[in-house]
Protein backbone atom coordinates (compact mmCIF):
# COMPACT_ATOMS: atom_id res chain seq x y z
CA MET A 1 -7.38 6.75 18.40
CA GLN A 2 -4.21 8.22 19.88
CA SER A 3 -4.78 6.58 23.28
CA LYS A 4 -4.85 3.21 21.59
CA TRP A 5 -1.53 3.93 19.90
CA ILE A 6 0.02 4.85 23.24
CA LYS A 7 -1.32 1.80 25.06
CA SER A 8 -0.28 -0.58 22.30
CA SER A 9 3.27 0.72 22.17
CA ALA A 10 4.08 0.87 25.89
CA ALA A 11 5.37 -2.68 26.05
CA LEU A 12 7.53 -2.16 22.97
CA LEU A 13 9.20 0.85 24.51
CA LEU A 14 9.89 -0.92 27.80
CA THR A 15 11.30 -4.07 26.23
CA SER A 16 13.47 -2.03 23.89
CA SER A 17 14.97 0.25 26.53
CA MET A 18 18.24 -1.70 26.43
CA LEU A 19 18.89 -0.18 23.01
CA LEU A 20 19.00 3.35 24.33
CA GLY A 21 22.42 3.47 25.91
CA ALA A 22 24.45 1.79 23.21
CA CYS A 23 24.97 4.43 20.52
CA SER A 24 26.40 7.90 20.19
CA SER A 25 25.81 10.44 17.44
CA ASP A 26 26.98 9.48 13.94
CA ASN A 27 28.94 11.66 11.55
CA ASP A 28 26.01 13.50 10.03
CA ALA A 29 24.65 14.78 13.34
CA SER A 30 27.23 16.58 15.45
CA ALA A 31 26.53 16.76 19.18
CA SER A 32 25.82 20.19 20.59
CA GLY A 33 27.21 21.84 23.69
CA ASP A 34 25.27 22.57 26.83
CA SER A 35 25.08 26.33 26.53
CA GLY A 36 23.67 28.84 24.08
CA GLU A 37 25.31 32.04 22.91
CA SER A 38 24.56 33.75 26.20
CA GLY A 39 26.23 30.97 28.18
CA GLN A 40 22.93 29.98 29.76
CA GLN A 41 21.79 26.36 29.96
CA VAL A 42 19.79 25.53 26.82
CA THR A 43 16.39 23.92 27.15
CA LEU A 44 14.38 22.99 24.07
CA ASN A 45 10.62 22.56 24.17
CA GLY A 46 8.89 20.25 21.72
CA VAL A 47 5.40 18.94 21.04
CA PHE A 48 5.07 15.45 19.55
CA LEU A 49 2.20 13.16 18.70
CA GLY A 50 1.32 10.76 21.51
CA ALA A 51 1.93 7.79 19.21
CA THR A 52 4.79 5.31 19.32
CA TRP A 53 7.18 7.62 17.48
CA GLY A 54 6.45 10.48 19.86
CA GLN A 55 7.15 8.22 22.80
CA ALA A 56 10.38 7.04 21.19
CA ALA A 57 11.50 10.66 20.72
CA GLN A 58 10.69 11.43 24.34
CA GLU A 59 12.81 8.49 25.53
CA LEU A 60 15.71 9.32 23.23
CA ALA A 61 15.68 12.94 24.39
CA LYS A 62 16.93 11.68 27.76
CA GLU A 63 19.96 10.19 26.04
CA TYR A 64 20.53 13.44 24.17
CA GLU A 65 20.68 15.37 27.43
CA LYS A 66 23.26 12.90 28.80
CA GLU A 67 25.39 13.29 25.68
CA THR A 68 25.14 17.05 25.21
CA GLY A 69 23.80 18.71 28.35
CA VAL A 70 20.89 20.12 26.34
CA LYS A 71 17.53 19.33 27.90
CA VAL A 72 14.68 18.59 25.52
CA ASN A 73 11.22 18.71 27.04
CA ILE A 74 8.80 16.81 24.82
CA GLU A 75 5.05 16.99 25.39
CA LEU A 76 2.99 14.12 23.99
CA VAL A 77 -0.44 15.27 22.84
CA GLY A 78 -3.14 14.56 20.25
CA ARG A 79 -3.04 15.72 16.65
CA ASP A 80 -5.42 18.65 17.10
CA VAL A 81 -3.49 19.92 20.13
CA ILE A 82 -0.26 19.91 18.14
CA TYR A 83 -1.90 22.13 15.55
CA GLN A 84 -3.21 24.51 18.22
CA LYS A 85 0.16 24.79 19.97
CA LEU A 86 1.97 25.33 16.68
CA ALA A 87 -0.44 28.14 15.79
CA LEU A 88 0.07 29.73 19.21
CA SER A 89 3.83 29.44 18.89
CA ILE A 90 3.79 31.06 15.45
CA ALA A 91 1.71 33.89 16.90
CA GLY A 92 4.32 34.41 19.60
CA GLN A 93 1.99 33.26 22.37
CA ALA A 94 3.87 30.06 23.25
CA ASN A 95 7.53 29.14 23.56
CA TYR A 96 8.28 26.03 21.52
CA ASP A 97 11.24 25.00 19.40
CA LEU A 98 10.19 21.71 17.83
CA PHE A 99 6.95 20.26 16.49
CA ASN A 100 6.05 16.81 15.24
CA VAL A 101 3.68 17.49 12.33
CA ASP A 102 1.47 15.64 9.93
CA TYR A 103 2.92 16.44 6.53
CA ASN A 104 -0.10 18.25 5.11
CA TRP A 105 0.66 21.08 7.53
CA VAL A 106 3.99 21.81 5.85
CA PRO A 107 2.49 23.58 2.78
CA GLU A 108 -0.08 25.28 5.01
CA PHE A 109 2.41 26.85 7.42
CA ALA A 110 5.28 27.25 4.96
CA SER A 111 3.01 29.24 2.66
CA THR A 112 2.61 31.85 5.43
CA ASP A 113 6.36 31.91 6.18
CA SER A 114 5.72 30.42 9.61
CA LEU A 115 8.23 27.55 9.56
CA TYR A 116 11.98 27.87 9.91
CA PRO A 117 13.67 26.98 6.57
CA LEU A 118 16.48 24.49 7.07
CA ASP A 119 18.52 24.68 3.86
CA ASP A 120 21.21 26.97 5.29
CA LEU A 121 21.53 24.93 8.49
CA ILE A 122 21.73 21.74 6.45
CA LYS A 123 24.59 23.20 4.43
CA GLN A 124 26.41 24.65 7.44
CA ASN A 125 26.26 21.34 9.31
CA ASN A 126 27.08 19.17 6.30
CA ILE A 127 23.93 17.08 6.61
CA ASP A 128 23.59 14.55 3.81
CA THR A 129 19.88 14.58 3.00
CA SER A 130 20.39 12.01 0.21
CA LYS A 131 20.38 9.35 2.92
CA TYR A 132 16.64 9.84 3.41
CA LEU A 133 14.11 8.02 1.28
CA PRO A 134 13.27 10.59 -1.44
CA ARG A 135 9.53 10.49 -0.83
CA ALA A 136 10.06 10.72 2.92
CA LEU A 137 12.15 13.88 2.53
CA ALA A 138 9.61 15.25 0.03
CA LEU A 139 7.04 15.38 2.84
CA THR A 140 9.10 18.20 4.38
CA GLN A 141 9.65 20.21 1.19
CA TRP A 142 7.61 23.02 -0.28
CA ASN A 143 8.49 25.03 -3.38
CA GLY A 144 5.46 27.31 -3.19
CA LYS A 145 3.60 25.49 -5.97
CA ASN A 146 0.37 23.61 -5.40
CA GLY A 147 0.61 19.88 -6.07
CA SER A 148 4.40 19.88 -6.08
CA PHE A 149 4.99 16.81 -3.88
CA GLY A 150 8.23 15.17 -4.97
CA GLU A 151 9.41 18.15 -7.00
CA GLY A 152 11.86 19.48 -4.43
CA GLY A 153 11.87 22.87 -2.78
CA THR A 154 12.90 24.42 0.52
CA ILE A 155 13.32 21.87 3.30
CA TYR A 156 11.27 22.82 6.36
CA GLY A 157 11.83 19.74 8.49
CA LEU A 158 13.24 16.25 8.71
CA PRO A 159 11.09 13.15 8.29
CA GLN A 160 10.61 11.03 11.40
CA THR A 161 8.39 8.18 10.27
CA ILE A 162 6.58 7.04 7.15
CA HIS A 163 3.78 4.53 6.75
CA PRO A 164 2.36 4.04 3.27
CA HIS A 165 -0.57 1.73 2.66
CA LEU A 166 0.30 -1.92 2.20
CA LEU A 167 -1.95 -4.85 1.47
CA TRP A 168 -1.99 -7.10 4.51
CA TYR A 169 -2.99 -10.72 3.94
CA ARG A 170 -3.29 -13.81 6.13
CA SER A 171 -0.44 -15.90 4.77
CA ASP A 172 -1.58 -18.96 6.74
CA LEU A 173 -4.93 -18.90 4.92
CA PHE A 174 -3.51 -18.07 1.51
CA ASN A 175 -1.08 -21.01 1.86
CA ASP A 176 -3.64 -23.51 3.21
CA ALA A 177 -3.90 -26.43 0.77
CA LYS A 178 -7.65 -26.97 1.28
CA ILE A 179 -8.46 -23.27 0.91
CA LYS A 180 -6.28 -23.02 -2.20
CA GLN A 181 -8.07 -26.00 -3.73
CA GLU A 182 -11.48 -24.43 -3.04
CA PHE A 183 -10.40 -21.13 -4.57
CA GLN A 184 -8.97 -22.81 -7.67
CA ALA A 185 -12.19 -24.74 -8.17
CA GLU A 186 -14.30 -21.57 -7.91
CA TYR A 187 -12.17 -19.03 -9.81
CA GLY A 188 -10.01 -21.15 -12.10
CA TYR A 189 -6.65 -19.82 -10.99
CA ASP A 190 -4.34 -20.11 -7.98
CA LEU A 191 -5.00 -18.15 -4.82
CA VAL A 192 -2.11 -15.72 -4.47
CA PRO A 193 -1.54 -12.42 -2.66
CA PRO A 194 -3.45 -10.08 -4.99
CA LYS A 195 -1.44 -8.00 -7.41
CA THR A 196 -4.38 -6.76 -9.47
CA MET A 197 -7.70 -5.29 -8.41
CA GLN A 198 -9.53 -8.23 -9.98
CA GLN A 199 -7.52 -10.69 -7.87
CA PHE A 200 -8.24 -8.55 -4.84
CA ARG A 201 -11.99 -8.58 -5.54
CA ASP A 202 -12.01 -12.35 -6.08
CA ALA A 203 -10.11 -13.04 -2.85
CA ALA A 204 -12.27 -10.63 -0.85
CA LYS A 205 -15.46 -12.22 -2.18
CA PHE A 206 -14.12 -15.75 -1.63
CA PHE A 207 -13.21 -15.21 2.02
CA ASN A 208 -16.15 -12.99 2.94
CA GLY A 209 -18.53 -14.97 5.14
CA LYS A 210 -16.31 -18.07 5.18
CA GLU A 211 -15.86 -19.80 8.53
CA VAL A 212 -12.29 -20.71 9.42
CA ASN A 213 -11.59 -22.62 12.63
CA GLY A 214 -14.89 -21.46 14.07
CA GLN A 215 -14.29 -17.80 13.16
CA LYS A 216 -16.49 -16.02 10.62
CA MET A 217 -14.22 -14.17 8.21
CA TYR A 218 -14.62 -10.97 6.23
CA GLY A 219 -12.85 -10.31 2.97
CA TRP A 220 -11.03 -7.13 3.90
CA ALA A 221 -11.20 -3.91 5.88
CA ALA A 222 -9.77 -0.42 5.78
CA GLN A 223 -10.48 2.96 7.29
CA ALA A 224 -13.82 4.17 5.97
CA SER A 225 -15.16 6.62 8.55
CA LYS A 226 -16.35 10.07 7.54
CA GLY A 227 -13.94 12.89 8.33
CA PHE A 228 -10.68 11.57 6.95
CA GLY A 229 -10.65 7.75 7.07
CA ASN A 230 -12.64 7.20 3.89
CA VAL A 231 -10.55 9.77 2.02
CA HIS A 232 -7.29 8.08 3.04
CA THR A 233 -8.35 4.65 1.74
CA TRP A 234 -10.08 6.02 -1.36
CA LEU A 235 -6.92 7.89 -2.40
CA THR A 236 -5.03 4.61 -2.82
CA PHE A 237 -7.70 3.46 -5.29
CA MET A 238 -7.61 6.83 -7.06
CA TYR A 239 -3.84 6.98 -7.38
CA SER A 240 -3.61 3.33 -8.44
CA ASN A 241 -6.01 4.04 -11.30
CA GLY A 242 -4.04 7.02 -12.57
CA ALA A 243 -6.49 9.59 -11.19
CA ASP A 244 -5.65 12.79 -9.37
CA VAL A 245 -8.03 14.88 -7.33
CA ILE A 246 -7.13 18.34 -8.59
CA ASP A 247 -6.04 19.66 -11.97
CA TRP A 248 -3.06 21.59 -10.70
CA SER A 249 -2.61 23.56 -13.92
CA SER A 250 -6.02 25.17 -13.54
CA MET A 251 -6.57 24.61 -9.79
CA THR A 252 -9.94 23.01 -10.37
CA SER A 253 -11.35 19.81 -8.91
CA SER A 254 -10.93 16.74 -11.12
CA LEU A 255 -13.11 14.16 -9.38
CA SER A 256 -15.45 13.56 -12.32
CA THR A 257 -12.90 12.07 -14.70
CA PRO A 258 -13.49 8.52 -15.96
CA GLU A 259 -10.49 7.32 -13.98
CA ALA A 260 -11.78 8.88 -10.76
CA ILE A 261 -15.29 7.48 -11.25
CA GLU A 262 -13.97 3.98 -11.97
CA ALA A 263 -11.66 4.06 -8.92
CA THR A 264 -14.42 5.32 -6.64
CA LYS A 265 -16.92 2.72 -7.84
CA THR A 266 -14.34 -0.03 -7.31
CA TRP A 267 -13.62 1.15 -3.76
CA ALA A 268 -17.30 1.57 -2.84
CA ASP A 269 -18.31 -1.80 -4.31
CA LEU A 270 -15.52 -3.65 -2.51
CA LEU A 271 -16.78 -2.38 0.84
CA SER A 272 -19.58 -4.97 0.54
CA TYR A 273 -16.97 -7.62 1.37
CA SER A 274 -16.05 -5.89 4.63
CA PRO A 275 -17.39 -6.29 8.19
CA PRO A 276 -20.73 -4.78 9.25
CA GLY A 277 -20.24 -1.20 10.36
CA ILE A 278 -17.30 -0.68 7.99
CA ASN A 279 -18.47 2.85 7.20
CA ASP A 280 -17.55 3.84 10.76
CA TYR A 281 -14.17 2.09 10.81
CA THR A 282 -11.20 4.12 12.00
CA PHE A 283 -7.58 3.06 12.38
CA ALA A 284 -8.41 1.21 15.61
CA GLU A 285 -11.17 -1.04 14.27
CA VAL A 286 -9.10 -2.21 11.29
CA ALA A 287 -6.12 -3.16 13.46
CA SER A 288 -8.35 -4.83 16.08
CA ASP A 289 -10.26 -6.95 13.55
CA ALA A 290 -6.98 -8.03 11.97
CA ALA A 291 -5.52 -8.99 15.34
CA GLN A 292 -8.65 -10.91 16.31
CA GLY A 293 -8.60 -13.00 13.16
CA LYS A 294 -11.74 -11.60 11.57
CA LEU A 295 -10.14 -10.50 8.30
CA ALA A 296 -8.49 -12.24 5.39
CA MET A 297 -6.96 -8.98 4.13
CA ALA A 298 -6.61 -5.35 5.10
CA LEU A 299 -5.53 -2.19 3.32
CA HIS A 300 -3.71 -0.46 6.11
CA TRP A 301 -0.66 1.54 7.18
CA SER A 302 2.66 -0.29 7.20
CA TRP A 303 3.68 0.85 10.68
CA SER A 304 0.57 -0.45 12.43
CA ALA A 305 1.58 -4.05 11.68
CA PHE A 306 3.03 -4.20 15.19
CA GLU A 307 -0.51 -4.59 16.51
CA VAL A 308 -1.11 -7.97 14.88
CA ASP A 309 2.18 -9.30 16.25
CA ASP A 310 1.57 -8.31 19.87
CA PRO A 311 1.03 -11.61 21.75
CA THR A 312 -0.79 -9.84 24.58
CA THR A 313 -3.62 -8.64 22.33
CA SER A 314 -3.46 -10.54 19.02
CA LYS A 315 -4.75 -13.98 18.04
CA THR A 316 -2.93 -13.82 14.71
CA VAL A 317 0.70 -13.32 15.74
CA GLY A 318 3.03 -14.07 12.85
CA LYS A 319 0.17 -14.99 10.51
CA TRP A 320 0.09 -11.79 8.45
CA ASP A 321 2.30 -10.91 5.53
CA PHE A 322 2.53 -7.77 3.44
CA VAL A 323 2.67 -6.89 -0.26
CA GLN A 324 2.02 -3.92 -2.53
CA VAL A 325 -1.49 -2.55 -2.75
CA PRO A 326 -3.40 -4.03 -5.72
CA ALA A 327 -2.99 -2.19 -9.00
CA MET A 328 -5.68 -0.94 -11.29
CA LYS A 329 -3.21 0.68 -13.68
CA GLN A 330 -0.25 0.73 -11.25
CA SER A 331 0.29 0.16 -7.53
CA VAL A 332 0.42 3.68 -6.02
CA PRO A 333 -0.33 3.64 -2.29
CA HIS A 334 -1.38 6.70 -0.35
CA LEU A 335 1.47 7.88 1.88
CA ALA A 336 1.19 8.89 5.51
CA GLY A 337 4.10 10.29 7.49
CA TRP A 338 5.19 12.60 10.27
CA SER A 339 8.09 15.03 10.35
CA VAL A 340 9.85 17.35 12.79
CA VAL A 341 9.83 21.10 12.10
CA MET A 342 10.73 24.33 13.86
CA PRO A 343 8.44 27.36 14.08
CA LYS A 344 9.95 30.59 12.78
CA THR A 345 9.65 31.93 16.35
CA THR A 346 12.06 29.45 17.95
CA LYS A 347 14.68 31.16 20.11
CA HIS A 348 17.18 28.32 19.61
CA PRO A 349 17.20 27.39 15.92
CA GLU A 350 20.76 26.03 15.89
CA GLU A 351 20.25 23.87 18.99
CA ALA A 352 16.84 22.69 17.82
CA PHE A 353 18.31 21.73 14.47
CA LYS A 354 21.11 19.78 16.12
CA PHE A 355 18.59 17.77 18.09
CA MET A 356 16.53 17.12 14.94
CA THR A 357 19.53 15.80 13.04
CA TRP A 358 20.59 13.69 16.01
CA LEU A 359 17.08 12.23 16.37
CA GLU A 360 16.94 11.38 12.67
CA SER A 361 20.54 10.20 12.37
CA LYS A 362 21.48 6.74 11.13
CA GLN A 363 21.61 5.04 14.52
CA ASN A 364 18.52 6.74 15.91
CA ASP A 365 16.41 5.99 12.85
CA VAL A 366 17.14 2.33 13.61
CA LYS A 367 16.62 2.74 17.34
CA GLN A 368 13.23 4.37 16.88
CA ALA A 369 12.10 1.53 14.62
CA ALA A 370 13.40 -1.09 17.05
CA MET A 371 11.44 0.61 19.83
CA GLY A 372 8.27 0.33 17.75
CA GLY A 373 8.39 4.02 16.96
CA GLY A 374 7.45 3.79 13.31
CA ASP A 375 8.98 2.80 10.00
CA PRO A 376 12.44 4.17 9.13
CA VAL A 377 12.99 7.19 6.92
CA ARG A 378 16.52 6.27 5.80
CA GLU A 379 17.22 3.79 3.01
CA GLU A 380 20.11 2.17 4.86
CA SER A 381 17.97 1.33 7.88
CA TYR A 382 16.04 -1.27 5.89
CA SER A 383 19.11 -3.51 5.66
CA ASP A 384 20.32 -2.99 9.23
CA PRO A 385 20.56 -6.38 10.99
CA THR A 386 19.37 -4.78 14.23
CA LEU A 387 15.99 -4.72 12.50
CA THR A 388 16.15 -7.36 9.78
CA ASP A 389 17.36 -10.10 12.15
CA GLN A 390 14.68 -9.49 14.78
CA VAL A 391 12.04 -12.17 15.20
CA ILE A 392 8.77 -12.13 17.11
CA GLU A 393 9.44 -13.53 20.55
CA GLY A 394 8.66 -17.23 20.73
CA THR A 395 8.58 -17.63 16.94
CA ASP A 396 10.92 -17.75 13.97
CA VAL A 397 8.86 -15.10 12.11
CA LYS A 398 10.67 -11.91 11.18
CA LYS A 399 9.36 -8.97 13.14
CA PHE A 400 9.96 -6.47 10.34
CA ARG A 401 9.01 -8.73 7.43
CA ARG A 402 7.01 -5.86 5.93
CA TYR A 403 10.20 -3.99 5.00
CA GLU A 404 10.62 -5.48 1.52
CA ALA A 405 7.09 -4.49 0.55
CA LEU A 406 7.49 -1.14 2.26
CA GLN A 407 10.63 -0.26 0.31
CA GLU A 408 8.83 -1.04 -2.92
CA ALA A 409 5.85 1.04 -1.83
CA MET A 410 8.11 4.02 -1.17
CA LYS A 411 9.14 4.05 -4.84
CA THR A 412 5.63 4.91 -6.07
CA THR A 413 3.71 6.15 -3.02
CA LYS A 414 1.93 9.48 -3.29
CA ALA A 415 0.98 12.09 -0.72
CA ARG A 416 -2.43 13.62 -0.15
CA PRO A 417 -2.98 16.69 -2.36
CA PHE A 418 -0.02 18.88 -1.54
CA PHE A 419 -1.31 22.41 -1.04
CA PRO A 420 -2.15 24.73 1.87
CA GLN A 421 -5.89 23.99 1.89
CA GLU A 422 -5.55 20.21 2.06
CA GLU A 423 -7.22 19.80 5.45
CA LYS A 424 -10.30 21.73 4.34
CA TRP A 425 -10.33 19.85 1.04
CA GLU A 426 -10.28 16.54 2.90
CA SER A 427 -13.26 17.33 5.12
CA THR A 428 -15.20 18.64 2.10
CA VAL A 429 -14.68 15.56 -0.05
CA SER A 430 -15.26 13.14 2.82
CA GLU A 431 -18.91 14.17 3.11
CA TYR A 432 -19.68 13.17 -0.47
CA LEU A 433 -17.69 9.95 -0.30
CA SER A 434 -19.69 9.01 2.76
CA ALA A 435 -22.95 9.59 0.90
CA ALA A 436 -21.75 7.30 -1.88
CA GLN A 437 -20.65 4.63 0.61
CA LEU A 438 -24.09 4.65 2.21
CA LYS A 439 -25.68 4.53 -1.26
CA GLN A 440 -27.60 7.73 -0.56
CA ILE A 441 -26.51 8.98 -3.99
CA THR A 442 -24.67 7.44 -6.94
CA VAL A 443 -20.92 7.64 -7.24
CA GLU A 444 -21.28 9.88 -10.28
CA ASP A 445 -23.53 12.32 -8.42
CA ALA A 446 -21.32 12.25 -5.32
CA LEU A 447 -18.21 13.14 -7.31
CA LYS A 448 -20.03 15.82 -9.31
CA LYS A 449 -21.25 17.45 -6.11
CA ALA A 450 -17.77 17.10 -4.60
CA ASP A 451 -16.29 18.84 -7.64
CA GLU A 452 -18.70 21.73 -7.17
CA ALA A 453 -17.99 22.03 -3.46
CA VAL A 454 -14.22 21.88 -3.92
CA ASN A 455 -14.26 24.43 -6.72
CA ALA A 456 -16.30 26.78 -4.51
CA MET A 457 -13.74 26.24 -1.76
CA LEU A 458 -10.84 27.01 -4.08
CA LYS A 459 -12.24 30.33 -5.30
């Protein structure tokens, strides 16, 4: 999956290189000098995900060295390798100062006092953290309590990119007069971008199997593969139906509640309006099918929208639009995001912090987004004309047209269960969701067995 991210973003980084030399550090990220306390040249070592935002950080690090004299070596690797190198660094067996981390690792490593807390450095350097989207900053905070996402706590990093689920829909099809007439005749109401789960089901069923301009269509697609993909999509259905996965007051699994059962049945049933092989779909297959014009809708990450607007690989450039995920009780999309942290073992905490604040400053939040490096983490970036005025080359379609929906999503979006054992929880639950998807057991039995397995894990 990571190699696809890298390949897809290479052109964006090259065409955006003109943005790199224009800006200097803003007021909330003071530039650092070129020497540490000993007077020796400072070199920082970082490990970032080999996705578009990791590549953007690697490119911007060159500008940082020009401005400050501080060299920042950034390795681009896969997710599992980041975890391994972070563990080695914490154990004192590797020399790293910065890590790009998936947010579920923050509770895991903070709970063992392995990450460098940033509150004192934030205060000393007068960093205004209120500029960050609250739920983006919350991905870096841990107060020691399970399930405490959004409740504040010690800050262990700065957010770099966020990408909540959005509902993608083919606006050209939804606005087609003939298609709208057919839908109205069949369902008795106007075809609109779905706001409710019933509207979503009707639209998915209507488009599934329909031929449009010689292309057989499928109603929708989302990640559904065993391991983590099915969990990530399922969580949006759970959260939007008012369900949670753990009773945090008792630390017991809560997958057998009526709300959880209803959400899971809805998700599993809707998969019948998806392409063949959907149960093996990862990030890559969803984006590819959308780009190739095989889907009417997708439930997918906001950031990955760049793939459907890439004229070198997409047949649907400019034809997708984006709205909130459909609500059962409320629209509450699952949130994904990556942050930058320091291991407790860093030898250069002050210098590493200065680079972090520079990388996530006002101008660089915009620059990373313009380079295709992910969706911004600062509220003000969403109204910056550098981004809002951009159009897809050769069209009059706004390149970042997803931003309005994304800002709304960030008001209600919810993280994966926020506790140190999240990764193990995810792999445990995924097995039973997969069995339900494949109709090997009923949803009720799958969730009951998942409850038992999770409770055994939590003991």
